Amino acid sequence: MDAAHLVLADLDLSGCLFAGTVHLDQLRLEGACTFDTAPPAVHWRRRPPVRFTARRVLAEEHHWRASQPGAVRGWNVAVLGAGRAGPLQLAPVYRALRKAFEDGKHEPGAADFYYGEMEMRRHADDIPRGERGLLAAYWALSGYGLRASRALAWLGAAMILTIVLLVAFGLAQDTPKQTATGTVPAGGGKVTFEIDKTDPQNPTSNRFTGERFEKALNVTLNSVVFRSSGQDLTTTGTYIEMTSRLTEPILLGLAVLAIRNRVKR
């Protein structure tokens, strides 16, 4: 079928098969055109348990997922004669529908089809393993930049881990003080002083105190916005802060990106 300049309005498209359609990106959807959705709730029978994100899903993806080994309940099985379409065929279909929604200035609606496109790319056999690994990390951290709650959860976990590590290993026992040493020549004259500062050391006891927690929280919050706290840290603490200053702003950025992708017009 050629979908060029085709307009669909107020139709139930939950069982429609889109694979093989020509000029699908020129399709216009108006009114209450509904698609099928992913199975809701958490599926505890899987090991590990799995929860599918609520989104618009094409009938062909339902059929493909239902045919996979260990498929959870809720994916619709293909009826006789529906044909077979896998990730290789469905990725360009999702991409074309996403473009159709974007051309219609419906950016939030296009987000579901972008999510479906990325899912099909992650499962496609023609994608190199390294790229699929990056896509898997992108999915796990932020739902392809569309799930702010997931990115914020990872950010919260990273901040808690940073605070615990700083309190345990990163903060110095006491603030190192500068000392000046020098010698006075016997016959008088110029005195030369050498100013030195001792290396920060971990405390031998009472590491988890309110004061140390407050300092660790200060370091962590500054790391989220890519700033240095100015606290005296041990060598281990310095590396912990460097790592947090790299990872936590990225997670915050993914959360902001996800919110923007959901609300922009």
C-alpha atoms as a PDB file:
ATOM      1  CA  MET A   1       0.000   0.000   0.000  1.00  0.00           C
ATOM      2  CA  ASP A   2       1.119   3.576  -0.751  1.00  0.00           C
ATOM      3  CA  ALA A   3       0.329   5.835   2.224  1.00  0.00           C
ATOM      4  CA  ALA A   4       1.333   9.101   0.524  1.00  0.00           C
ATOM      5  CA  HIS A   5      -1.165  11.844   1.462  1.00  0.00           C
ATOM      6  CA  LEU A   6      -3.371   9.317   3.234  1.00  0.00           C
ATOM      7  CA  VAL A   7      -5.340  10.743   6.175  1.00  0.00           C
ATOM      8  CA  LEU A   8      -6.723   8.492   8.918  1.00  0.00           C
ATOM      9  CA  ALA A   9      -9.075   9.915  11.528  1.00  0.00           C
ATOM     10  CA  ASP A  10     -10.732   8.353  14.600  1.00  0.00           C
ATOM     11  CA  LEU A  11      -9.696   4.781  13.835  1.00  0.00           C
ATOM     12  CA  ASP A  12      -8.679   1.827  16.000  1.00  0.00           C
ATOM     13  CA  LEU A  13      -5.247   0.848  14.645  1.00  0.00           C
ATOM     14  CA  SER A  14      -4.420  -1.691  17.358  1.00  0.00           C
ATOM     15  CA  GLY A  15      -4.632  -4.571  14.863  1.00  0.00           C
ATOM     16  CA  CYS A  16      -3.323  -2.730  11.794  1.00  0.00           C
ATOM     17  CA  LEU A  17      -0.242  -4.161  10.061  1.00  0.00           C
ATOM     18  CA  PHE A  18       2.092  -1.389   8.862  1.00  0.00           C
ATOM     19  CA  ALA A  19       5.124  -3.386   7.680  1.00  0.00           C
ATOM     20  CA  GLY A  20       5.662  -3.054   3.937  1.00  0.00           C
ATOM     21  CA  THR A  21       3.755   0.224   3.549  1.00  0.00           C
ATOM     22  CA  VAL A  22       5.300   2.729   1.128  1.00  0.00           C
ATOM     23  CA  HIS A  23       5.667   6.430   2.076  1.00  0.00           C
ATOM     24  CA  LEU A  24       4.527   5.718   5.605  1.00  0.00           C
ATOM     25  CA  ASP A  25       6.208   8.921   6.796  1.00  0.00           C
ATOM     26  CA  GLN A  26       3.613  10.901   4.781  1.00  0.00           C
ATOM     27  CA  LEU A  27       0.693   9.348   6.636  1.00  0.00           C
ATOM     28  CA  ARG A  28      -1.462  11.783   8.620  1.00  0.00           C
ATOM     29  CA  LEU A  29      -3.269  10.666  11.764  1.00  0.00           C
ATOM     30  CA  GLU A  30      -5.987  12.916  13.111  1.00  0.00           C
ATOM     31  CA  GLY A  31      -8.530  12.643  15.880  1.00  0.00           C
ATOM     32  CA  ALA A  32      -8.592   9.648  18.216  1.00  0.00           C
ATOM     33  CA  CYS A  33      -6.447   7.132  16.354  1.00  0.00           C
ATOM     34  CA  THR A  34      -5.576   4.461  18.919  1.00  0.00           C
ATOM     35  CA  PHE A  35      -2.767   1.896  18.926  1.00  0.00           C
ATOM     36  CA  ASP A  36      -2.184  -1.173  21.034  1.00  0.00           C
ATOM     37  CA  THR A  37      -0.110  -0.828  24.212  1.00  0.00           C
ATOM     38  CA  ALA A  38       2.553  -2.833  26.011  1.00  0.00           C
ATOM     39  CA  PRO A  39       1.412  -5.321  28.699  1.00  0.00           C
ATOM     40  CA  PRO A  40       0.990  -3.443  31.990  1.00  0.00           C
ATOM     41  CA  ALA A  41       2.234  -4.329  35.490  1.00  0.00           C
ATOM     42  CA  VAL A  42       5.339  -6.204  36.615  1.00  0.00           C
ATOM     43  CA  HIS A  43       5.765  -9.777  35.395  1.00  0.00           C
ATOM     44  CA  TRP A  44       7.220 -11.693  38.331  1.00  0.00           C
ATOM     45  CA  ARG A  45       7.414 -15.071  36.613  1.00  0.00           C
ATOM     46  CA  ARG A  46      10.378 -13.888  34.586  1.00  0.00           C
ATOM     47  CA  ARG A  47      13.828 -14.155  36.130  1.00  0.00           C
ATOM     48  CA  PRO A  48      14.669 -11.369  36.656  1.00  0.00           C
ATOM     49  CA  PRO A  49      11.189  -9.768  36.874  1.00  0.00           C
ATOM     50  CA  VAL A  50      10.380  -7.480  33.946  1.00  0.00           C
ATOM     51  CA  ARG A  51       8.160  -4.436  33.563  1.00  0.00           C
ATOM     52  CA  PHE A  52       7.357  -3.002  30.132  1.00  0.00           C
ATOM     53  CA  THR A  53       7.027   0.764  29.847  1.00  0.00           C
ATOM     54  CA  ALA A  54       3.561   2.008  28.924  1.00  0.00           C
ATOM     55  CA  ARG A  55       3.664   3.177  25.292  1.00  0.00           C
ATOM     56  CA  ARG A  56       1.998   2.811  21.919  1.00  0.00           C
ATOM     57  CA  VAL A  57       3.009  -0.481  20.310  1.00  0.00           C
ATOM     58  CA  LEU A  58       2.415  -1.774  16.787  1.00  0.00           C
ATOM     59  CA  ALA A  59       0.587  -5.048  16.257  1.00  0.00           C
ATOM     60  CA  GLU A  60       3.682  -6.500  14.553  1.00  0.00           C
ATOM     61  CA  GLU A  61       5.768  -5.933  17.673  1.00  0.00           C
ATOM     62  CA  HIS A  62       3.113  -7.742  19.706  1.00  0.00           C
ATOM     63  CA  HIS A  63       3.352 -10.677  17.313  1.00  0.00           C
ATOM     64  CA  TRP A  64       7.152 -10.733  17.359  1.00  0.00           C
ATOM     65  CA  ARG A  65       7.455 -10.545  21.155  1.00  0.00           C
ATOM     66  CA  ALA A  66       4.771 -13.205  21.627  1.00  0.00           C
ATOM     67  CA  SER A  67       6.801 -15.561  19.410  1.00  0.00           C
ATOM     68  CA  GLN A  68       9.991 -15.186  21.476  1.00  0.00           C
ATOM     69  CA  PRO A  69      11.033 -17.906  23.950  1.00  0.00           C
ATOM     70  CA  GLY A  70       9.908 -17.059  27.462  1.00  0.00           C
ATOM     71  CA  ALA A  71       7.503 -14.326  26.312  1.00  0.00           C
ATOM     72  CA  VAL A  72       5.389 -12.863  29.112  1.00  0.00           C
ATOM     73  CA  ARG A  73       1.608 -12.942  29.047  1.00  0.00           C
ATOM     74  CA  GLY A  74      -0.084  -9.984  27.421  1.00  0.00           C
ATOM     75  CA  TRP A  75       1.617  -9.909  24.043  1.00  0.00           C
ATOM     76  CA  ASN A  76      -0.884 -10.750  21.302  1.00  0.00           C
ATOM     77  CA  VAL A  77      -0.124 -13.784  19.148  1.00  0.00           C
ATOM     78  CA  ALA A  78      -0.276 -13.276  15.376  1.00  0.00           C
ATOM     79  CA  VAL A  79      -3.368 -14.585  13.665  1.00  0.00           C
ATOM     80  CA  LEU A  80      -3.101 -16.890  10.661  1.00  0.00           C
ATOM     81  CA  GLY A  81      -1.954 -14.996   7.572  1.00  0.00           C
ATOM     82  CA  ALA A  82      -0.693 -11.940   9.455  1.00  0.00           C
ATOM     83  CA  GLY A  83       2.850 -12.529   8.213  1.00  0.00           C
ATOM     84  CA  ARG A  84       6.089 -12.222  10.131  1.00  0.00           C
ATOM     85  CA  ALA A  85       7.998  -9.046  10.902  1.00  0.00           C
ATOM     86  CA  GLY A  86      10.994  -8.801  13.208  1.00  0.00           C
ATOM     87  CA  PRO A  87      13.156  -5.965  14.510  1.00  0.00           C
ATOM     88  CA  LEU A  88      14.869  -5.471  11.135  1.00  0.00           C
ATOM     89  CA  GLN A  89      11.518  -4.764   9.462  1.00  0.00           C
ATOM     90  CA  LEU A  90       9.904  -2.874  12.348  1.00  0.00           C
ATOM     91  CA  ALA A  91      12.686  -0.345  13.055  1.00  0.00           C
ATOM     92  CA  PRO A  92      12.065   1.619   9.802  1.00  0.00           C
ATOM     93  CA  VAL A  93       8.291   1.377  10.355  1.00  0.00           C
ATOM     94  CA  TYR A  94       8.580   2.990  13.777  1.00  0.00           C
ATOM     95  CA  ARG A  95      10.962   5.578  12.313  1.00  0.00           C
ATOM     96  CA  ALA A  96       8.490   6.519   9.555  1.00  0.00           C
ATOM     97  CA  LEU A  97       5.572   6.819  11.988  1.00  0.00           C
ATOM     98  CA  ARG A  98       7.721   8.933  14.305  1.00  0.00           C
ATOM     99  CA  LYS A  99       8.474  11.299  11.424  1.00  0.00           C
ATOM    100  CA  ALA A 100       4.773  11.464  10.536  1.00  0.00           C
ATOM    101  CA  PHE A 101       3.938  12.519  14.108  1.00  0.00           C
ATOM    102  CA  GLU A 102       6.794  15.035  14.184  1.00  0.00           C
ATOM    103  CA  ASP A 103       5.675  16.573  10.872  1.00  0.00           C
ATOM    104  CA  GLY A 104       2.237  16.938  12.445  1.00  0.00           C
ATOM    105  CA  LYS A 105       3.819  18.881  15.358  1.00  0.00           C
ATOM    106  CA  HIS A 106       2.894  16.120  17.807  1.00  0.00           C
ATOM    107  CA  GLU A 107       6.298  15.642  19.438  1.00  0.00           C
ATOM    108  CA  PRO A 108       5.104  13.888  22.643  1.00  0.00           C
ATOM    109  CA  GLY A 109       3.150  11.387  20.544  1.00  0.00           C
ATOM    110  CA  ALA A 110       6.209  10.749  18.393  1.00  0.00           C
ATOM    111  CA  ALA A 111       8.179   9.805  21.524  1.00  0.00           C
ATOM    112  CA  ASP A 112       6.483   6.393  21.772  1.00  0.00           C
ATOM    113  CA  PHE A 113       7.472   5.549  18.205  1.00  0.00           C
ATOM    114  CA  TYR A 114      11.028   6.714  18.865  1.00  0.00           C
ATOM    115  CA  TYR A 115      11.087   4.357  21.862  1.00  0.00           C
ATOM    116  CA  GLY A 116       9.820   1.517  19.654  1.00  0.00           C
ATOM    117  CA  GLU A 117      12.438   2.286  17.000  1.00  0.00           C
ATOM    118  CA  MET A 118      15.234   2.157  19.569  1.00  0.00           C
ATOM    119  CA  GLU A 119      13.866  -1.097  21.011  1.00  0.00           C
ATOM    120  CA  MET A 120      13.890  -2.707  17.580  1.00  0.00           C
ATOM    121  CA  ARG A 121      17.450  -1.473  16.951  1.00  0.00           C
ATOM    122  CA  ARG A 122      18.545  -2.910  20.299  1.00  0.00           C
ATOM    123  CA  HIS A 123      17.166  -6.328  19.351  1.00  0.00           C
ATOM    124  CA  ALA A 124      18.144  -6.305  15.658  1.00  0.00           C
ATOM    125  CA  ASP A 125      20.724  -8.845  14.527  1.00  0.00           C
ATOM    126  CA  ASP A 126      22.433  -6.526  12.027  1.00  0.00           C
ATOM    127  CA  ILE A 127      23.508  -4.034  14.706  1.00  0.00           C
ATOM    128  CA  PRO A 128      27.116  -4.537  15.948  1.00  0.00           C
ATOM    129  CA  ARG A 129      27.414  -5.920  19.455  1.00  0.00           C
ATOM    130  CA  GLY A 130      29.169  -2.797  20.736  1.00  0.00           C
ATOM    131  CA  GLU A 131      26.404  -0.527  19.475  1.00  0.00           C
ATOM    132  CA  ARG A 132      23.765  -2.789  20.975  1.00  0.00           C
ATOM    133  CA  GLY A 133      25.625  -2.578  24.284  1.00  0.00           C
ATOM    134  CA  LEU A 134      25.470   1.225  24.141  1.00  0.00           C
ATOM    135  CA  LEU A 135      21.773   1.083  23.314  1.00  0.00           C
ATOM    136  CA  ALA A 136      21.204  -1.283  26.237  1.00  0.00           C
ATOM    137  CA  ALA A 137      22.971   1.140  28.595  1.00  0.00           C
ATOM    138  CA  TYR A 138      20.968   4.064  27.180  1.00  0.00           C
ATOM    139  CA  TRP A 139      17.763   2.075  27.742  1.00  0.00           C
ATOM    140  CA  ALA A 140      18.694   1.027  31.283  1.00  0.00           C
ATOM    141  CA  LEU A 141      19.769   4.508  32.409  1.00  0.00           C
ATOM    142  CA  SER A 142      16.982   6.656  30.980  1.00  0.00           C
ATOM    143  CA  GLY A 143      14.678   4.698  28.684  1.00  0.00           C
ATOM    144  CA  TYR A 144      16.339   6.181  25.576  1.00  0.00           C
ATOM    145  CA  GLY A 145      16.125   9.677  27.049  1.00  0.00           C
ATOM    146  CA  LEU A 146      12.350   9.395  27.564  1.00  0.00           C
ATOM    147  CA  ARG A 147      11.975   8.102  31.134  1.00  0.00           C
ATOM    148  CA  ALA A 148      12.912  10.826  33.625  1.00  0.00           C
ATOM    149  CA  SER A 149      11.993   8.665  36.629  1.00  0.00           C
ATOM    150  CA  ARG A 150      14.544   6.051  35.604  1.00  0.00           C
ATOM    151  CA  ALA A 151      17.333   8.599  35.212  1.00  0.00           C
ATOM    152  CA  LEU A 152      16.434  10.262  38.533  1.00  0.00           C
ATOM    153  CA  ALA A 153      16.416   6.872  40.275  1.00  0.00           C
ATOM    154  CA  TRP A 154      19.925   6.148  38.989  1.00  0.00           C
ATOM    155  CA  LEU A 155      21.014   9.660  40.000  1.00  0.00           C
ATOM    156  CA  GLY A 156      19.680   9.141  43.517  1.00  0.00           C
ATOM    157  CA  ALA A 157      21.433   5.775  43.785  1.00  0.00           C
ATOM    158  CA  ALA A 158      24.710   7.274  42.532  1.00  0.00           C
ATOM    159  CA  MET A 159      24.475  10.122  45.043  1.00  0.00           C
ATOM    160  CA  ILE A 160      23.793   7.748  47.952  1.00  0.00           C
ATOM    161  CA  LEU A 161      26.735   5.553  46.923  1.00  0.00           C
ATOM    162  CA  THR A 162      29.000   8.612  46.637  1.00  0.00           C
ATOM    163  CA  ILE A 163      28.007   9.845  50.106  1.00  0.00           C
ATOM    164  CA  VAL A 164      28.652   6.438  51.687  1.00  0.00           C
ATOM    165  CA  LEU A 165      32.052   6.090  50.007  1.00  0.00           C
ATOM    166  CA  LEU A 166      33.088   9.615  50.951  1.00  0.00           C
ATOM    167  CA  VAL A 167      32.083   9.171  54.584  1.00  0.00           C
ATOM    168  CA  ALA A 168      33.878   5.828  54.774  1.00  0.00           C
ATOM    169  CA  PHE A 169      37.030   6.531  52.773  1.00  0.00           C
ATOM    170  CA  GLY A 170      37.087  10.009  51.243  1.00  0.00           C
ATOM    171  CA  LEU A 171      36.923  12.648  53.982  1.00  0.00           C
ATOM    172  CA  ALA A 172      39.984  13.565  55.995  1.00  0.00           C
ATOM    173  CA  GLN A 173      40.010  13.060  59.748  1.00  0.00           C
ATOM    174  CA  ASP A 174      40.987  16.669  60.386  1.00  0.00           C
ATOM    175  CA  THR A 175      41.528  19.675  58.184  1.00  0.00           C
ATOM    176  CA  PRO A 176      45.260  19.635  57.401  1.00  0.00           C
ATOM    177  CA  LYS A 177      46.993  22.786  58.631  1.00  0.00           C
ATOM    178  CA  GLN A 178      49.898  24.496  57.000  1.00  0.00           C
ATOM    179  CA  THR A 179      53.165  24.544  58.927  1.00  0.00           C
ATOM    180  CA  ALA A 180      56.186  26.738  58.374  1.00  0.00           C
ATOM    181  CA  THR A 181      59.679  25.601  59.267  1.00  0.00           C
ATOM    182  CA  GLY A 182      62.952  27.501  58.947  1.00  0.00           C
ATOM    183  CA  THR A 183      66.407  28.074  60.402  1.00  0.00           C
ATOM    184  CA  VAL A 184      68.018  31.258  61.613  1.00  0.00           C
ATOM    185  CA  PRO A 185      71.698  31.585  60.685  1.00  0.00           C
ATOM    186  CA  ALA A 186      73.994  31.796  63.706  1.00  0.00           C
ATOM    187  CA  GLY A 187      75.404  35.154  62.680  1.00  0.00           C
ATOM    188  CA  GLY A 188      72.013  36.556  61.710  1.00  0.00           C
ATOM    189  CA  GLY A 189      70.845  37.292  58.181  1.00  0.00           C
ATOM    190  CA  LYS A 190      68.071  36.077  55.899  1.00  0.00           C
ATOM    191  CA  VAL A 191      65.678  33.461  57.261  1.00  0.00           C
ATOM    192  CA  THR A 192      64.156  30.989  54.797  1.00  0.00           C
ATOM    193  CA  PHE A 193      60.848  29.335  55.690  1.00  0.00           C
ATOM    194  CA  GLU A 194      59.436  26.182  54.104  1.00  0.00           C
ATOM    195  CA  ILE A 195      55.620  25.967  54.172  1.00  0.00           C
ATOM    196  CA  ASP A 196      54.210  22.450  54.031  1.00  0.00           C
ATOM    197  CA  LYS A 197      50.855  20.727  54.487  1.00  0.00           C
ATOM    198  CA  THR A 198      50.298  17.177  55.682  1.00  0.00           C
ATOM    199  CA  ASP A 199      48.383  14.730  53.501  1.00  0.00           C
ATOM    200  CA  PRO A 200      44.740  14.151  54.530  1.00  0.00           C
ATOM    201  CA  GLN A 201      44.269  10.908  56.450  1.00  0.00           C
ATOM    202  CA  ASN A 202      41.243   8.699  57.073  1.00  0.00           C
ATOM    203  CA  PRO A 203      39.998   8.534  60.661  1.00  0.00           C
ATOM    204  CA  THR A 204      40.678   5.342  62.558  1.00  0.00           C
ATOM    205  CA  SER A 205      37.218   5.318  64.191  1.00  0.00           C
ATOM    206  CA  ASN A 206      33.836   7.102  64.182  1.00  0.00           C
ATOM    207  CA  ARG A 207      33.721   7.569  60.427  1.00  0.00           C
ATOM    208  CA  PHE A 208      29.926   7.709  60.146  1.00  0.00           C
ATOM    209  CA  THR A 209      29.070  10.901  62.007  1.00  0.00           C
ATOM    210  CA  GLY A 210      26.641  13.719  61.290  1.00  0.00           C
ATOM    211  CA  GLU A 211      29.421  16.178  60.560  1.00  0.00           C
ATOM    212  CA  ARG A 212      31.092  13.857  58.043  1.00  0.00           C
ATOM    213  CA  PHE A 213      27.720  13.123  56.415  1.00  0.00           C
ATOM    214  CA  GLU A 214      27.114  16.851  55.961  1.00  0.00           C
ATOM    215  CA  LYS A 215      30.520  17.285  54.336  1.00  0.00           C
ATOM    216  CA  ALA A 216      29.954  14.291  52.059  1.00  0.00           C
ATOM    217  CA  LEU A 217      26.526  15.633  51.061  1.00  0.00           C
ATOM    218  CA  ASN A 218      28.107  18.987  50.203  1.00  0.00           C
ATOM    219  CA  VAL A 219      30.711  17.297  47.991  1.00  0.00           C
ATOM    220  CA  THR A 220      28.060  15.174  46.259  1.00  0.00           C
ATOM    221  CA  LEU A 221      25.649  18.041  45.557  1.00  0.00           C
ATOM    222  CA  ASN A 222      28.475  20.089  44.068  1.00  0.00           C
ATOM    223  CA  SER A 223      29.459  17.121  41.909  1.00  0.00           C
ATOM    224  CA  VAL A 224      25.949  16.920  40.426  1.00  0.00           C
ATOM    225  CA  VAL A 225      26.331  20.436  39.016  1.00  0.00           C
ATOM    226  CA  PHE A 226      29.949  19.760  38.011  1.00  0.00           C
ATOM    227  CA  ARG A 227      31.550  21.911  40.707  1.00  0.00           C
ATOM    228  CA  SER A 228      34.357  21.276  43.133  1.00  0.00           C
ATOM    229  CA  SER A 229      33.385  21.471  46.799  1.00  0.00           C
ATOM    230  CA  GLY A 230      36.792  22.633  48.055  1.00  0.00           C
ATOM    231  CA  GLN A 231      36.740  20.028  50.838  1.00  0.00           C
ATOM    232  CA  ASP A 232      39.968  18.374  51.949  1.00  0.00           C
ATOM    233  CA  LEU A 233      39.786  14.812  50.631  1.00  0.00           C
ATOM    234  CA  THR A 234      42.035  11.804  50.827  1.00  0.00           C
ATOM    235  CA  THR A 235      43.539  10.357  47.658  1.00  0.00           C
ATOM    236  CA  THR A 236      40.650   7.870  47.476  1.00  0.00           C
ATOM    237  CA  GLY A 237      38.163  10.672  48.079  1.00  0.00           C
ATOM    238  CA  THR A 238      39.647  12.701  45.232  1.00  0.00           C
ATOM    239  CA  TYR A 239      39.046   9.860  42.788  1.00  0.00           C
ATOM    240  CA  ILE A 240      35.530   9.328  44.168  1.00  0.00           C
ATOM    241  CA  GLU A 241      34.740  13.007  43.608  1.00  0.00           C
ATOM    242  CA  MET A 242      36.188  12.907  40.081  1.00  0.00           C
ATOM    243  CA  THR A 243      34.025   9.909  39.218  1.00  0.00           C
ATOM    244  CA  SER A 244      30.889  11.499  40.644  1.00  0.00           C
ATOM    245  CA  ARG A 245      31.570  14.759  38.792  1.00  0.00           C
ATOM    246  CA  LEU A 246      31.632  12.752  35.558  1.00  0.00           C
ATOM    247  CA  THR A 247      28.667  10.410  36.053  1.00  0.00           C
ATOM    248  CA  GLU A 248      26.118  12.382  38.074  1.00  0.00           C
ATOM    249  CA  PRO A 249      25.826  15.411  35.728  1.00  0.00           C
ATOM    250  CA  ILE A 250      25.245  12.950  32.861  1.00  0.00           C
ATOM    251  CA  LEU A 251      22.360  11.321  34.758  1.00  0.00           C
ATOM    252  CA  LEU A 252      20.905  14.736  35.599  1.00  0.00           C
ATOM    253  CA  GLY A 253      21.170  15.708  31.934  1.00  0.00           C
ATOM    254  CA  LEU A 254      19.366  12.526  30.858  1.00  0.00           C
ATOM    255  CA  ALA A 255      16.534  13.302  33.289  1.00  0.00           C
ATOM    256  CA  VAL A 256      16.207  16.857  31.932  1.00  0.00           C
ATOM    257  CA  LEU A 257      16.295  15.513  28.350  1.00  0.00           C
ATOM    258  CA  ALA A 258      13.524  13.015  29.150  1.00  0.00           C
ATOM    259  CA  ILE A 259      11.293  15.723  30.632  1.00  0.00           C
ATOM    260  CA  ARG A 260      11.883  17.950  27.616  1.00  0.00           C
ATOM    261  CA  ASN A 261      11.063  15.175  25.157  1.00  0.00           C
ATOM    262  CA  ARG A 262       7.764  14.539  26.914  1.00  0.00           C
ATOM    263  CA  VAL A 263       6.503  18.113  27.216  1.00  0.00           C
ATOM    264  CA  LYS A 264       7.850  19.922  24.147  1.00  0.00           C
ATOM    265  CA  ARG A 265       5.484  20.993  21.408  1.00  0.00           C
END
